[in-house]
Amino acid sequence: MSVDTSIRAVLRAPQVARVLLGSQIGRLPTASGPLALLLFARQSLSLAAAGLLVAAYTAGMAAGTPLLARAVDRWRQPPVLWAAAAVSGLGFGAVALTGGHLAGAITGAAVAGFGTPPLEACLRTLWPALLPPATVPTAYTLDIALQEVIFVVGPLVTLLAVTVGGPTAGLLAAAVAQLAGTALYALSPAARAWRGVAAVRHWAGPLRVPGFGVMLLGVVGVGAAVGSIAVAVTGYAEAAGDRRLSGWLLAAQAGGALVGGLLWTRVRPGGPGRLPLLAAALTAGFLPLLLAPAPAPMAALLAVSGLALPPVLTAVFLTAERLARPGTVAEAFAWVSTAFVVGSAAGSALAGASAGVRYGLLVAPVAALLGTAALGAIALRDRTTASLTASRDA
């Protein structure tokens, strides 16, 4: 099946285009929100306060997403999404109204992050209901690839809003985009019809499943690699004498990821078995960046480094779906997203603390290698389990 045919089969299925678009719009604040908080704090507070606000927002999102997804698993999607969007919007509004009060701004940022609607997890629980089993992996990959558009469009929305109405407008734009996307998604018949699966619950949810925590450690490594690149590339651009280059260079990497995802839709992605090979390819893609060549070849290398990211994440989500027990799938997906966010924040911090551009760029391959080791352990466990099952059946 060609790329065009497989993608067309997904997009032509009833309701798919609507829920995919709604999810993408509603997730814009994951990229626009941190920038809006940063720009607001730089004007109203200080540069140090900007880091605190972004950290509070990220921490709130990491803590809230699995809890909200757990509520979705036990109930329905729309009520949870509406409530979350309202809480997050109030958080953004609270930051805008705090003026120069640091404690209030940090609290508002944390609330905005905590209330982030778990649209990513919700969407991925819908795919088996909307699509034939053969095209579900294509939907995962397409969604992951299109996420790169979020990280290009989101900051542009913030910059446009700030240009027109000042830093406060950037915060309000994030809240409005989130609410609009949530409405488009939550009002769809598919989202309203979805129901959680009745199951025996445990306080640890999918975390109690053997191997799930190891997989999350692998995702943290992948997230750290990706998060470090944004900071390292900013340092590279400053060393090259033009900080504006960082936006173009990161867009090149996002473009590479988009292309990699679209190409991967023509491949049978498999599950845990392919995780080590794909993660190793991601690691290898980061190594040439250590050369730190001139901007044009650097952009090409960054595009290549992004190619393997959607295939890796597709395999991870398929593995999470396989490992998750009935009634915990949405939460399992949310934990994967949280692990990536936590890793990304850690990678950004490590790259920021590095002395020199090349040391900053070194964080990505090292983190990705550690992630590869963890994901390799999952693949080994999966093969061992399959062999034992086959032996018992024989």
Protein backbone atom coordinates (compact mmCIF):
# COMPACT_ATOMS: atom_id res chain seq x y z
CA MET A 1 0.00 0.00 0.00
CA SER A 2 1.45 3.38 -0.98
CA VAL A 3 1.76 6.37 1.35
CA ASP A 4 -1.05 8.21 -0.43
CA THR A 5 -3.34 5.19 -0.37
CA SER A 6 -2.82 4.37 3.31
CA ILE A 7 -3.22 7.97 4.46
CA ARG A 8 -6.26 8.45 2.23
CA ALA A 9 -7.84 5.32 3.73
CA VAL A 10 -7.46 6.82 7.21
CA LEU A 11 -8.63 10.33 6.36
CA ARG A 12 -11.64 9.13 4.38
CA ALA A 13 -13.01 7.10 7.27
CA PRO A 14 -16.03 8.81 8.87
CA GLN A 15 -15.19 11.41 11.56
CA VAL A 16 -11.43 10.85 11.36
CA ALA A 17 -10.59 14.21 9.78
CA ARG A 18 -12.72 16.04 12.36
CA VAL A 19 -11.30 14.40 15.49
CA LEU A 20 -7.75 14.62 14.12
CA LEU A 21 -8.12 18.34 13.35
CA GLY A 22 -9.79 19.05 16.69
CA SER A 23 -7.05 17.23 18.54
CA GLN A 24 -4.32 19.11 16.67
CA ILE A 25 -5.89 22.52 17.35
CA GLY A 26 -6.57 21.68 20.98
CA ARG A 27 -2.95 20.61 21.48
CA LEU A 28 -1.47 23.83 20.10
CA PRO A 29 -0.85 25.16 23.66
CA THR A 30 1.67 22.38 24.26
CA ALA A 31 3.90 24.39 21.90
CA SER A 32 2.41 27.89 22.17
CA GLY A 33 1.77 27.91 25.93
CA PRO A 34 5.42 27.78 27.12
CA LEU A 35 6.41 30.53 24.68
CA ALA A 36 3.44 32.69 25.75
CA LEU A 37 4.40 32.24 29.41
CA LEU A 38 8.02 33.07 28.65
CA LEU A 39 7.20 36.25 26.74
CA PHE A 40 4.72 37.36 29.41
CA ALA A 41 7.21 36.78 32.23
CA ARG A 42 10.05 38.53 30.43
CA GLN A 43 7.97 41.70 30.23
CA SER A 44 6.08 41.56 33.52
CA LEU A 45 8.54 39.70 35.77
CA SER A 46 12.06 38.60 34.80
CA LEU A 47 13.95 36.09 32.67
CA ALA A 48 14.50 33.88 35.72
CA ALA A 49 10.77 34.00 36.45
CA ALA A 50 10.09 32.97 32.85
CA GLY A 51 11.93 29.71 33.45
CA LEU A 52 9.93 29.11 36.63
CA LEU A 53 6.61 29.66 34.84
CA VAL A 54 7.49 27.30 32.01
CA ALA A 55 8.70 24.70 34.52
CA ALA A 56 5.46 25.02 36.52
CA TYR A 57 3.39 24.63 33.38
CA THR A 58 5.35 21.56 32.29
CA ALA A 59 5.19 19.99 35.74
CA GLY A 60 1.46 20.61 35.97
CA MET A 61 0.90 19.00 32.57
CA ALA A 62 3.05 15.99 33.48
CA ALA A 63 1.08 15.47 36.70
CA GLY A 64 -2.39 16.16 35.34
CA THR A 65 -2.42 14.26 32.05
CA PRO A 66 -2.36 10.70 33.51
CA LEU A 67 -4.96 11.58 36.15
CA LEU A 68 -7.33 13.09 33.58
CA ALA A 69 -6.81 10.12 31.26
CA ARG A 70 -7.61 7.78 34.15
CA ALA A 71 -10.90 9.64 34.59
CA VAL A 72 -11.56 9.15 30.87
CA ASP A 73 -10.92 5.40 31.19
CA ARG A 74 -13.45 5.17 33.99
CA TRP A 75 -16.09 7.41 32.49
CA ARG A 76 -16.48 9.29 29.21
CA GLN A 77 -14.32 11.63 27.16
CA PRO A 78 -16.36 14.87 26.69
CA PRO A 79 -17.05 15.75 30.36
CA VAL A 80 -13.40 15.27 31.29
CA LEU A 81 -12.19 17.26 28.29
CA TRP A 82 -14.59 20.16 28.91
CA ALA A 83 -13.67 20.36 32.58
CA ALA A 84 -9.97 20.18 31.82
CA ALA A 85 -10.14 22.90 29.16
CA ALA A 86 -12.03 25.16 31.57
CA VAL A 87 -9.46 24.64 34.34
CA SER A 88 -6.54 25.21 31.98
CA GLY A 89 -8.14 28.33 30.53
CA LEU A 90 -8.66 29.73 34.03
CA GLY A 91 -4.99 29.05 34.72
CA PHE A 92 -3.87 31.02 31.67
CA GLY A 93 -6.28 33.81 32.62
CA ALA A 94 -4.94 33.87 36.17
CA VAL A 95 -1.39 34.33 34.89
CA ALA A 96 -2.53 37.23 32.70
CA LEU A 97 -4.19 38.92 35.69
CA THR A 98 -1.34 38.51 38.18
CA GLY A 99 0.68 41.47 36.95
CA GLY A 100 4.01 41.36 38.74
CA HIS A 101 3.11 38.78 41.43
CA LEU A 102 5.44 35.83 40.93
CA ALA A 103 3.70 33.34 43.25
CA GLY A 104 0.33 33.92 41.60
CA ALA A 105 1.82 33.59 38.12
CA ILE A 106 3.53 30.31 39.01
CA THR A 107 0.30 28.95 40.49
CA GLY A 108 -1.68 29.96 37.42
CA ALA A 109 0.89 28.37 35.10
CA ALA A 110 0.77 25.12 37.08
CA VAL A 111 -3.04 25.10 36.93
CA ALA A 112 -2.95 25.78 33.17
CA GLY A 113 -0.63 22.83 32.69
CA PHE A 114 -2.52 20.52 35.06
CA GLY A 115 -5.79 21.14 33.20
CA THR A 116 -4.37 20.43 29.76
CA PRO A 117 -7.04 18.25 28.09
CA PRO A 118 -5.69 14.72 27.40
CA LEU A 119 -6.63 14.98 23.72
CA GLU A 120 -3.66 12.93 22.57
CA ALA A 121 -4.60 9.94 24.74
CA CYS A 122 -8.31 10.31 23.94
CA LEU A 123 -7.73 10.39 20.20
CA ARG A 124 -5.63 7.24 20.26
CA THR A 125 -8.32 5.32 22.12
CA LEU A 126 -10.73 6.20 19.29
CA TRP A 127 -8.70 4.74 16.43
CA PRO A 128 -9.75 1.09 16.95
CA ALA A 129 -13.40 2.19 16.94
CA LEU A 130 -13.10 4.36 13.82
CA LEU A 131 -10.77 2.30 11.62
CA PRO A 132 -10.18 -1.28 10.50
CA PRO A 133 -7.36 -2.96 12.48
CA ALA A 134 -5.01 -2.89 9.49
CA THR A 135 -5.07 0.92 9.27
CA VAL A 136 -4.82 1.72 13.00
CA PRO A 137 -0.98 1.80 12.94
CA THR A 138 -1.16 4.24 10.01
CA ALA A 139 -3.42 6.49 12.09
CA TYR A 140 -0.92 6.42 14.98
CA THR A 141 1.93 7.39 12.67
CA LEU A 142 -0.06 10.09 10.88
CA ASP A 143 -1.09 11.66 14.18
CA ILE A 144 2.49 11.58 15.50
CA ALA A 145 3.85 13.06 12.26
CA LEU A 146 1.28 15.85 12.27
CA GLN A 147 2.31 16.74 15.82
CA GLU A 148 5.36 18.33 14.26
CA VAL A 149 3.03 20.88 12.69
CA ILE A 150 1.93 21.83 16.22
CA PHE A 151 5.48 22.79 17.13
CA VAL A 152 5.74 25.01 14.07
CA VAL A 153 2.26 26.58 14.12
CA GLY A 154 1.93 26.93 17.91
CA PRO A 155 4.80 29.41 18.38
CA LEU A 156 3.66 31.33 15.29
CA VAL A 157 0.18 31.74 16.82
CA THR A 158 1.75 33.08 20.01
CA LEU A 159 4.05 35.49 18.19
CA LEU A 160 1.17 36.79 16.07
CA ALA A 161 -1.05 37.31 19.13
CA VAL A 162 1.75 39.04 21.05
CA THR A 163 2.50 41.29 18.08
CA VAL A 164 -1.15 42.34 17.85
CA GLY A 165 -2.16 42.53 21.51
CA GLY A 166 0.94 42.20 23.68
CA PRO A 167 2.12 39.33 25.95
CA THR A 168 -1.28 38.90 27.61
CA ALA A 169 -2.82 38.18 24.20
CA GLY A 170 -0.40 35.27 23.78
CA LEU A 171 -1.81 33.62 26.90
CA LEU A 172 -5.39 34.21 25.82
CA ALA A 173 -4.67 32.85 22.34
CA ALA A 174 -3.37 29.61 23.89
CA ALA A 175 -6.53 29.26 26.00
CA VAL A 176 -8.85 30.01 23.04
CA ALA A 177 -7.08 27.55 20.72
CA GLN A 178 -7.28 24.87 23.38
CA LEU A 179 -10.99 25.45 23.96
CA ALA A 180 -11.78 25.58 20.23
CA GLY A 181 -9.95 22.34 19.49
CA THR A 182 -11.51 20.63 22.49
CA ALA A 183 -14.99 21.70 21.35
CA LEU A 184 -14.42 20.42 17.80
CA TYR A 185 -13.23 17.08 19.16
CA ALA A 186 -15.56 16.62 22.16
CA LEU A 187 -18.72 17.41 20.18
CA SER A 188 -17.97 14.75 17.57
CA PRO A 189 -20.28 11.70 17.61
CA ALA A 190 -17.28 9.39 18.00
CA ALA A 191 -16.06 11.10 21.17
CA ARG A 192 -19.56 11.27 22.62
CA ALA A 193 -20.23 7.60 21.88
CA TRP A 194 -16.99 6.29 23.39
CA ARG A 195 -17.26 4.62 26.80
CA GLY A 196 -14.63 3.35 29.18
CA VAL A 197 -14.28 -0.40 29.59
CA ALA A 198 -15.55 -1.97 32.79
CA ALA A 199 -12.56 -3.53 34.53
CA VAL A 200 -11.04 -4.32 37.92
CA ARG A 201 -9.13 -1.18 38.89
CA HIS A 202 -5.82 -0.78 40.69
CA TRP A 203 -4.42 2.45 42.09
CA ALA A 204 -1.23 2.08 40.00
CA GLY A 205 -3.15 1.65 36.74
CA PRO A 206 -0.93 0.57 33.83
CA LEU A 207 2.21 1.21 35.94
CA ARG A 208 1.70 -2.16 37.62
CA VAL A 209 2.09 -4.02 34.31
CA PRO A 210 5.51 -5.73 34.08
CA GLY A 211 7.73 -3.92 31.62
CA PHE A 212 5.61 -0.79 31.33
CA GLY A 213 7.86 1.24 33.62
CA VAL A 214 10.94 0.16 31.67
CA MET A 215 9.29 1.30 28.46
CA LEU A 216 8.58 4.68 30.05
CA LEU A 217 12.26 5.02 30.96
CA GLY A 218 13.05 4.47 27.30
CA VAL A 219 10.58 7.19 26.34
CA VAL A 220 12.19 9.54 28.87
CA GLY A 221 15.50 8.97 27.07
CA VAL A 222 13.94 9.71 23.68
CA GLY A 223 12.23 12.82 25.07
CA ALA A 224 15.49 14.02 26.62
CA ALA A 225 17.23 13.67 23.26
CA VAL A 226 14.55 15.68 21.46
CA GLY A 227 14.28 18.32 24.19
CA SER A 228 18.02 18.89 24.29
CA ILE A 229 18.14 19.71 20.58
CA ALA A 230 16.02 22.86 20.92
CA VAL A 231 18.42 24.34 23.48
CA ALA A 232 21.57 23.13 21.73
CA VAL A 233 20.42 24.52 18.39
CA THR A 234 19.72 27.88 20.03
CA GLY A 235 23.31 27.87 21.30
CA TYR A 236 24.55 26.89 17.86
CA ALA A 237 22.63 29.77 16.25
CA GLU A 238 24.04 32.26 18.77
CA ALA A 239 27.56 30.98 18.10
CA ALA A 240 26.90 31.38 14.35
CA GLY A 241 26.01 35.03 14.97
CA ASP A 242 22.27 34.93 14.23
CA ARG A 243 19.86 33.67 16.88
CA ARG A 244 17.01 33.74 14.35
CA LEU A 245 18.59 30.70 12.68
CA SER A 246 17.33 28.51 15.51
CA GLY A 247 13.73 28.75 14.30
CA TRP A 248 14.64 27.68 10.78
CA LEU A 249 16.88 24.88 12.00
CA LEU A 250 14.22 23.46 14.33
CA ALA A 251 11.67 23.76 11.53
CA ALA A 252 14.02 21.65 9.38
CA GLN A 253 14.05 18.94 12.05
CA ALA A 254 10.26 19.10 12.34
CA GLY A 255 10.01 18.80 8.56
CA GLY A 256 12.22 15.73 8.65
CA ALA A 257 10.01 14.15 11.31
CA LEU A 258 6.91 14.90 9.24
CA VAL A 259 8.46 13.26 6.17
CA GLY A 260 9.63 10.30 8.25
CA GLY A 261 6.15 9.80 9.62
CA LEU A 262 4.48 9.99 6.23
CA LEU A 263 6.96 7.49 4.78
CA TRP A 264 6.47 5.15 7.75
CA THR A 265 2.76 4.87 6.98
CA ARG A 266 3.63 2.48 4.13
CA VAL A 267 5.47 0.10 6.47
CA ARG A 268 4.00 -2.47 8.83
CA PRO A 269 5.23 -0.87 12.05
CA GLY A 270 5.11 -3.96 14.25
CA GLY A 271 5.40 -3.54 18.00
CA PRO A 272 8.09 -4.09 20.63
CA GLY A 273 10.28 -6.11 18.28
CA ARG A 274 11.21 -3.08 16.21
CA LEU A 275 11.80 -0.69 19.08
CA PRO A 276 15.59 -1.28 19.48
CA LEU A 277 16.32 -0.92 15.76
CA LEU A 278 14.21 2.22 15.42
CA ALA A 279 15.64 3.80 18.57
CA ALA A 280 19.16 2.96 17.38
CA ALA A 281 18.37 4.70 14.08
CA LEU A 282 17.21 7.75 16.03
CA THR A 283 20.47 7.71 18.03
CA ALA A 284 22.55 7.41 14.86
CA GLY A 285 20.70 10.38 13.36
CA PHE A 286 21.88 12.63 16.19
CA LEU A 287 25.58 11.76 15.90
CA PRO A 288 26.39 13.81 12.74
CA LEU A 289 25.09 16.93 14.50
CA LEU A 290 28.27 16.87 16.60
CA LEU A 291 30.13 18.12 13.53
CA ALA A 292 28.24 21.44 13.92
CA PRO A 293 28.83 22.43 10.28
CA ALA A 294 27.67 25.61 8.54
CA PRO A 295 23.94 26.46 8.84
CA ALA A 296 22.84 24.97 5.49
CA PRO A 297 24.33 21.49 6.05
CA MET A 298 23.32 21.70 9.69
CA ALA A 299 19.70 22.15 8.58
CA ALA A 300 20.02 19.07 6.36
CA LEU A 301 21.49 17.03 9.23
CA LEU A 302 18.70 18.15 11.56
CA ALA A 303 16.10 17.09 8.98
CA VAL A 304 17.72 13.64 8.82
CA SER A 305 17.81 13.44 12.64
CA GLY A 306 14.04 13.86 12.74
CA LEU A 307 13.20 11.05 10.32
CA ALA A 308 13.16 8.21 12.87
CA LEU A 309 11.16 9.96 15.61
CA PRO A 310 7.60 9.15 14.38
CA PRO A 311 8.46 5.47 13.71
CA VAL A 312 9.90 5.17 17.24
CA LEU A 313 6.86 6.76 18.87
CA THR A 314 4.47 4.70 16.73
CA ALA A 315 6.13 1.51 17.94
CA VAL A 316 6.00 2.80 21.52
CA PHE A 317 2.27 3.53 21.39
CA LEU A 318 1.55 0.15 19.79
CA THR A 319 3.57 -1.45 22.58
CA ALA A 320 1.70 0.57 25.21
CA GLU A 321 -1.61 -0.55 23.74
CA ARG A 322 -0.43 -4.16 23.85
CA LEU A 323 0.82 -3.94 27.44
CA ALA A 324 -2.13 -2.00 28.87
CA ARG A 325 -4.84 -4.01 30.55
CA PRO A 326 -8.51 -3.42 29.71
CA GLY A 327 -9.81 -0.16 31.12
CA THR A 328 -6.38 1.51 31.30
CA VAL A 329 -5.52 2.25 27.66
CA ALA A 330 -6.10 6.02 27.78
CA GLU A 331 -4.02 6.31 30.94
CA ALA A 332 -1.28 4.18 29.38
CA PHE A 333 -1.10 6.54 26.41
CA ALA A 334 -1.07 9.51 28.80
CA TRP A 335 1.86 8.07 30.75
CA VAL A 336 3.82 7.77 27.51
CA SER A 337 3.13 11.44 26.77
CA THR A 338 4.10 12.40 30.31
CA ALA A 339 7.35 10.43 30.10
CA PHE A 340 8.22 12.24 26.88
CA VAL A 341 7.46 15.66 28.42
CA VAL A 342 9.53 14.89 31.53
CA GLY A 343 12.41 13.66 29.39
CA SER A 344 12.19 16.71 27.15
CA ALA A 345 12.40 19.05 30.14
CA ALA A 346 15.37 17.14 31.55
CA GLY A 347 17.14 17.17 28.18
CA SER A 348 16.60 20.91 27.85
CA ALA A 349 18.07 21.48 31.30
CA LEU A 350 21.10 19.30 30.59
CA ALA A 351 21.79 20.97 27.26
CA GLY A 352 21.38 24.39 28.84
CA ALA A 353 23.92 23.52 31.54
CA SER A 354 26.46 22.21 29.04
CA ALA A 355 29.63 24.18 28.37
CA GLY A 356 29.81 24.75 24.65
CA VAL A 357 27.73 23.93 21.60
CA ARG A 358 29.17 20.46 20.96
CA TYR A 359 28.62 19.37 24.55
CA GLY A 360 25.03 20.53 24.25
CA LEU A 361 24.63 18.54 21.04
CA LEU A 362 26.16 15.50 22.74
CA VAL A 363 23.20 15.22 25.13
CA ALA A 364 20.90 13.98 22.33
CA PRO A 365 22.82 10.87 21.21
CA VAL A 366 23.72 9.91 24.80
CA ALA A 367 20.10 10.24 25.99
CA ALA A 368 18.81 8.42 22.92
CA LEU A 369 21.31 5.61 23.51
CA LEU A 370 20.08 5.17 27.08
CA GLY A 371 16.52 5.15 25.77
CA THR A 372 17.50 2.53 23.20
CA ALA A 373 18.84 0.27 25.95
CA ALA A 374 15.55 0.46 27.88
CA LEU A 375 13.43 -0.10 24.78
CA GLY A 376 15.69 -3.00 23.83
CA ALA A 377 14.90 -4.62 27.17
CA ILE A 378 11.19 -4.39 26.34
CA ALA A 379 11.79 -6.07 22.96
CA LEU A 380 13.81 -8.84 24.63
CA ARG A 381 11.06 -9.37 27.21
CA ASP A 382 8.44 -9.52 24.45
CA ARG A 383 10.41 -12.11 22.49
CA THR A 384 11.02 -14.19 25.63
CA THR A 385 7.32 -14.10 26.52
CA ALA A 386 6.37 -15.10 22.98
CA SER A 387 8.85 -18.01 23.04
CA LEU A 388 7.52 -19.27 26.39
CA THR A 389 3.95 -19.02 25.14
CA ALA A 390 4.82 -20.95 21.98
CA SER A 391 6.58 -23.64 24.05
CA ARG A 392 3.54 -24.05 26.31
CA ASP A 393 1.20 -24.22 23.33
CA ALA A 394 3.39 -26.86 21.71
